[in-house]
């Protein structure tokens, strides 16, 4: 299982998601420098089907 993300990371990703959707985009890719290395970062937005919402909510409890 993945490590839980911090509240700050979730908040920043929410802001990025809003900006992408407002721009009509559902994916982006960039490069970032962190800890002396260059990383490729890719983000794809995929809507969660309504029937999967209970599972998603349970994951955050």
Protein backbone atom coordinates (compact mmCIF):
# COMPACT_ATOMS: atom_id res chain seq x y z
CA UNK A 1 0.00 0.00 0.00
CA UNK A 2 1.16 3.53 -0.74
CA UNK A 3 2.28 5.83 2.03
CA UNK A 4 -0.37 8.40 2.94
CA UNK A 5 0.21 11.86 1.51
CA UNK A 6 0.47 14.86 3.79
CA UNK A 7 -2.35 17.39 3.91
CA UNK A 8 -0.05 19.96 2.26
CA UNK A 9 0.69 17.64 -0.68
CA UNK A 10 -3.04 16.94 -1.14
CA UNK A 11 -3.81 20.67 -1.01
CA UNK A 12 -1.17 21.49 -3.66
CA UNK A 13 -2.41 18.68 -5.93
CA UNK A 14 -5.98 19.94 -5.52
CA UNK A 15 -4.87 23.42 -6.60
CA UNK A 16 -3.01 21.99 -9.59
CA UNK A 17 -6.04 19.90 -10.55
CA UNK A 18 -8.31 22.95 -10.44
CA UNK A 19 -5.89 24.93 -12.62
CA UNK A 20 -5.64 22.12 -15.16
CA UNK A 21 -9.41 21.68 -15.38
CA UNK A 22 -9.94 25.43 -15.70
CA UNK A 23 -7.48 25.35 -18.63
CA UNK A 24 -9.39 22.45 -20.19
CA UNK A 25 -6.51 20.03 -19.61
CA UNK A 26 -6.62 16.52 -18.15
CA UNK A 27 -2.89 15.73 -18.20
CA UNK A 28 0.45 17.45 -17.90
CA UNK A 29 4.12 16.58 -17.83
CA UNK A 30 7.13 18.56 -16.61
CA UNK A 31 10.58 18.17 -15.10
CA UNK A 32 11.61 19.26 -11.62
CA UNK A 33 14.89 19.50 -9.75
CA UNK A 34 14.89 18.01 -6.25
CA UNK A 35 17.72 16.80 -4.05
CA UNK A 36 20.26 17.34 -6.82
CA UNK A 37 18.44 15.23 -9.42
CA UNK A 38 16.04 15.98 -12.28
CA UNK A 39 12.74 14.09 -12.15
CA UNK A 40 10.06 13.71 -14.80
CA UNK A 41 6.62 14.37 -13.33
CA UNK A 42 3.47 13.26 -15.13
CA UNK A 43 -0.07 13.85 -13.95
CA UNK A 44 -3.22 12.40 -15.48
CA UNK A 45 -6.68 13.26 -14.21
CA UNK A 46 -9.17 10.39 -14.33
CA UNK A 47 -12.70 10.91 -12.99
CA UNK A 48 -13.75 8.31 -10.42
CA UNK A 49 -16.97 6.50 -11.39
CA UNK A 50 -19.74 7.16 -8.88
CA UNK A 51 -20.01 3.47 -7.98
CA UNK A 52 -16.35 3.54 -6.82
CA UNK A 53 -16.77 6.53 -4.50
CA UNK A 54 -17.46 4.43 -1.36
CA UNK A 55 -14.13 2.62 -1.89
CA UNK A 56 -12.30 5.91 -2.39
CA UNK A 57 -13.84 7.41 0.75
CA UNK A 58 -13.01 4.30 2.77
CA UNK A 59 -9.38 4.58 1.71
CA UNK A 60 -9.07 7.91 3.58
CA UNK A 61 -10.54 6.75 6.87
